[in-house]
Amino acid sequence: MAPSSDTTASGADCVDGVVPLNPYVVNCNLPARANHIVGAAPDAGAIIACRHNLTCLSYYVNYPGALVVPGYRP
């Protein structure tokens, strides 16, 4: 079976992969995100996007909406 070139899943805007250091990008291959609560455990997309960078993960958990690299939103 050939992979699909469609980058949207069920009408939602998403990408087929992760963007390093940007945990806010919605990934088509991961489960839907729940509401983000300050201090709560990060979702799978954030863990993958922030791997090897604890500052990125810390910002995602403690400062929702803040990025390590300001203005970096594809």
N, C-alpha and C. Protein backbone atom coordinates (compact mmCIF):
# COMPACT_ATOMS: atom_id res chain seq x y z
N MET A 1 0.84 -1.17 0.00
CA MET A 1 0.00 0.00 0.00
C MET A 1 0.89 1.24 0.00
N ALA A 2 0.64 2.15 -0.90
CA ALA A 2 1.43 3.37 -1.02
C ALA A 2 0.97 4.39 0.02
N PRO A 3 1.91 5.15 0.59
CA PRO A 3 1.51 6.17 1.56
C PRO A 3 0.69 7.27 0.91
N SER A 4 -0.23 7.80 1.66
CA SER A 4 -1.09 8.87 1.15
C SER A 4 -0.34 10.19 1.15
N SER A 5 -0.59 11.00 0.14
CA SER A 5 0.05 12.31 0.08
C SER A 5 -0.82 13.38 0.73
N ASP A 6 -1.99 12.99 1.23
CA ASP A 6 -2.89 13.93 1.89
C ASP A 6 -2.33 14.30 3.26
N THR A 7 -2.24 15.61 3.54
CA THR A 7 -1.66 16.04 4.82
C THR A 7 -2.71 16.41 5.84
N THR A 8 -3.98 16.18 5.55
CA THR A 8 -5.00 16.48 6.53
C THR A 8 -5.71 15.21 6.96
N ALA A 9 -6.07 15.18 8.21
CA ALA A 9 -6.77 14.03 8.75
C ALA A 9 -8.09 14.51 9.33
N SER A 10 -9.15 13.99 8.82
CA SER A 10 -10.51 14.31 9.27
C SER A 10 -10.80 15.82 9.29
N GLY A 11 -10.29 16.52 8.30
CA GLY A 11 -10.59 17.93 8.14
C GLY A 11 -9.74 18.88 8.97
N ALA A 12 -8.90 18.37 9.86
CA ALA A 12 -8.07 19.23 10.70
C ALA A 12 -6.76 19.56 9.98
N ASP A 13 -6.24 20.75 10.22
CA ASP A 13 -4.95 21.12 9.65
C ASP A 13 -3.86 20.47 10.47
N CYS A 14 -3.02 19.69 9.80
CA CYS A 14 -1.94 19.01 10.49
C CYS A 14 -0.81 18.74 9.50
N VAL A 15 0.34 18.36 10.03
CA VAL A 15 1.48 18.02 9.20
C VAL A 15 1.81 16.55 9.41
N ASP A 16 2.47 15.99 8.45
CA ASP A 16 2.84 14.58 8.52
C ASP A 16 4.27 14.47 9.05
N GLY A 17 4.45 14.77 10.31
CA GLY A 17 5.76 14.74 10.94
C GLY A 17 5.82 15.78 12.05
N VAL A 18 7.00 16.01 12.60
CA VAL A 18 7.16 16.99 13.66
C VAL A 18 8.12 18.08 13.21
N VAL A 19 8.01 19.24 13.83
CA VAL A 19 8.93 20.34 13.58
C VAL A 19 9.79 20.47 14.83
N PRO A 20 11.10 20.27 14.73
CA PRO A 20 11.95 20.35 15.91
C PRO A 20 11.81 21.69 16.63
N LEU A 21 11.76 21.65 17.93
CA LEU A 21 11.65 22.79 18.83
C LEU A 21 10.33 23.55 18.70
N ASN A 22 9.33 22.97 18.05
CA ASN A 22 8.00 23.59 18.00
C ASN A 22 6.95 22.54 18.35
N PRO A 23 6.65 22.38 19.65
CA PRO A 23 5.70 21.35 20.08
C PRO A 23 4.25 21.68 19.78
N TYR A 24 3.97 22.86 19.21
CA TYR A 24 2.58 23.26 18.96
C TYR A 24 2.08 22.84 17.58
N VAL A 25 2.94 22.31 16.74
CA VAL A 25 2.52 21.83 15.43
C VAL A 25 1.69 20.57 15.62
N VAL A 26 0.53 20.50 14.98
CA VAL A 26 -0.35 19.34 15.10
C VAL A 26 0.11 18.27 14.12
N ASN A 27 0.36 17.08 14.63
CA ASN A 27 0.84 15.94 13.84
C ASN A 27 -0.33 15.04 13.47
N CYS A 28 -0.44 14.68 12.20
CA CYS A 28 -1.54 13.83 11.73
C CYS A 28 -1.44 12.40 12.27
N ASN A 29 -0.25 11.96 12.63
CA ASN A 29 -0.03 10.56 13.02
C ASN A 29 -0.18 10.30 14.51
N LEU A 30 -0.43 11.34 15.30
CA LEU A 30 -0.54 11.18 16.75
C LEU A 30 -1.99 11.40 17.19
N PRO A 31 -2.36 10.89 18.36
CA PRO A 31 -3.72 11.10 18.86
C PRO A 31 -4.02 12.59 19.06
N ALA A 32 -5.29 12.92 19.04
CA ALA A 32 -5.71 14.32 19.24
C ALA A 32 -5.26 14.81 20.61
N ARG A 33 -4.97 16.09 20.70
CA ARG A 33 -4.51 16.68 21.95
C ARG A 33 -5.68 17.04 22.85
N ALA A 34 -5.47 16.88 24.14
CA ALA A 34 -6.45 17.31 25.13
C ALA A 34 -6.17 18.78 25.46
N ASN A 35 -6.98 19.36 26.32
CA ASN A 35 -6.72 20.73 26.75
C ASN A 35 -5.38 20.79 27.47
N HIS A 36 -4.62 21.84 27.21
CA HIS A 36 -3.30 22.00 27.81
C HIS A 36 -3.45 22.73 29.14
N ILE A 37 -3.01 22.10 30.21
CA ILE A 37 -3.06 22.67 31.56
C ILE A 37 -1.63 22.90 32.03
N VAL A 38 -1.36 24.07 32.57
CA VAL A 38 -0.01 24.41 33.03
C VAL A 38 0.44 23.38 34.07
N GLY A 39 1.65 22.84 33.88
CA GLY A 39 2.22 21.89 34.81
C GLY A 39 1.84 20.44 34.55
N ALA A 40 0.90 20.20 33.63
CA ALA A 40 0.48 18.83 33.33
C ALA A 40 1.50 18.14 32.43
N ALA A 41 1.40 16.84 32.35
CA ALA A 41 2.30 16.06 31.50
C ALA A 41 2.14 16.46 30.04
N PRO A 42 3.24 16.57 29.30
CA PRO A 42 3.15 16.94 27.89
C PRO A 42 2.58 15.80 27.04
N ASP A 43 2.02 16.16 25.90
CA ASP A 43 1.49 15.14 25.00
C ASP A 43 2.63 14.55 24.16
N ALA A 44 2.31 13.52 23.39
CA ALA A 44 3.33 12.81 22.60
C ALA A 44 4.01 13.73 21.60
N GLY A 45 3.25 14.61 20.95
CA GLY A 45 3.83 15.52 19.97
C GLY A 45 4.88 16.43 20.57
N ALA A 46 4.62 16.93 21.78
CA ALA A 46 5.58 17.81 22.45
C ALA A 46 6.83 17.04 22.86
N ILE A 47 6.66 15.83 23.33
CA ILE A 47 7.82 15.02 23.73
C ILE A 47 8.72 14.73 22.54
N ILE A 48 8.11 14.41 21.40
CA ILE A 48 8.89 14.11 20.20
C ILE A 48 9.55 15.38 19.65
N ALA A 49 8.81 16.49 19.57
CA ALA A 49 9.36 17.72 19.02
C ALA A 49 10.47 18.30 19.90
N CYS A 50 10.40 18.08 21.20
CA CYS A 50 11.37 18.65 22.13
C CYS A 50 12.43 17.66 22.59
N ARG A 51 12.51 16.50 21.95
CA ARG A 51 13.49 15.52 22.42
C ARG A 51 14.90 16.10 22.35
N HIS A 52 15.70 15.76 23.33
CA HIS A 52 17.08 16.22 23.48
C HIS A 52 17.16 17.70 23.83
N ASN A 53 16.04 18.35 24.18
CA ASN A 53 16.07 19.76 24.55
C ASN A 53 15.11 19.97 25.71
N LEU A 54 15.63 19.91 26.90
CA LEU A 54 14.78 20.04 28.09
C LEU A 54 14.19 21.43 28.26
N THR A 55 14.85 22.46 27.74
CA THR A 55 14.31 23.81 27.82
C THR A 55 13.02 23.91 27.02
N CYS A 56 13.00 23.34 25.84
CA CYS A 56 11.81 23.34 24.99
C CYS A 56 10.65 22.67 25.72
N LEU A 57 10.88 21.52 26.30
CA LEU A 57 9.84 20.79 27.01
C LEU A 57 9.37 21.56 28.25
N SER A 58 10.30 22.18 28.94
CA SER A 58 9.96 22.96 30.12
C SER A 58 9.06 24.15 29.75
N TYR A 59 9.38 24.83 28.67
CA TYR A 59 8.54 25.95 28.22
C TYR A 59 7.16 25.46 27.84
N TYR A 60 7.06 24.31 27.18
CA TYR A 60 5.76 23.78 26.78
C TYR A 60 4.89 23.46 27.99
N VAL A 61 5.50 22.88 29.03
CA VAL A 61 4.74 22.47 30.22
C VAL A 61 4.39 23.67 31.09
N ASN A 62 5.33 24.59 31.30
CA ASN A 62 5.14 25.66 32.27
C ASN A 62 4.69 27.00 31.70
N TYR A 63 4.93 27.23 30.42
CA TYR A 63 4.57 28.51 29.78
C TYR A 63 3.87 28.23 28.45
N PRO A 64 2.61 27.82 28.48
CA PRO A 64 1.90 27.48 27.23
C PRO A 64 1.92 28.64 26.23
N GLY A 65 2.24 28.32 25.00
CA GLY A 65 2.28 29.32 23.93
C GLY A 65 3.64 29.94 23.73
N ALA A 66 4.55 29.80 24.68
CA ALA A 66 5.89 30.36 24.55
C ALA A 66 6.79 29.38 23.81
N LEU A 67 7.66 29.90 22.98
CA LEU A 67 8.59 29.05 22.24
C LEU A 67 10.02 29.39 22.63
N VAL A 68 10.91 28.42 22.49
CA VAL A 68 12.33 28.64 22.77
C VAL A 68 12.89 29.63 21.75
N VAL A 69 12.46 29.51 20.50
CA VAL A 69 12.89 30.40 19.43
C VAL A 69 11.69 31.29 19.10
N PRO A 70 11.65 32.54 19.58
CA PRO A 70 10.49 33.41 19.34
C PRO A 70 10.19 33.58 17.85
N GLY A 71 8.93 33.54 17.52
CA GLY A 71 8.50 33.72 16.14
C GLY A 71 8.61 32.49 15.27
N TYR A 72 9.04 31.38 15.82
CA TYR A 72 9.24 30.15 15.03
C TYR A 72 7.95 29.36 14.99
N ARG A 73 7.04 29.74 14.11
CA ARG A 73 5.77 29.03 13.92
C ARG A 73 5.57 28.81 12.44
N PRO A 74 5.79 27.60 11.96
CA PRO A 74 5.61 27.34 10.53
C PRO A 74 4.17 27.42 10.10
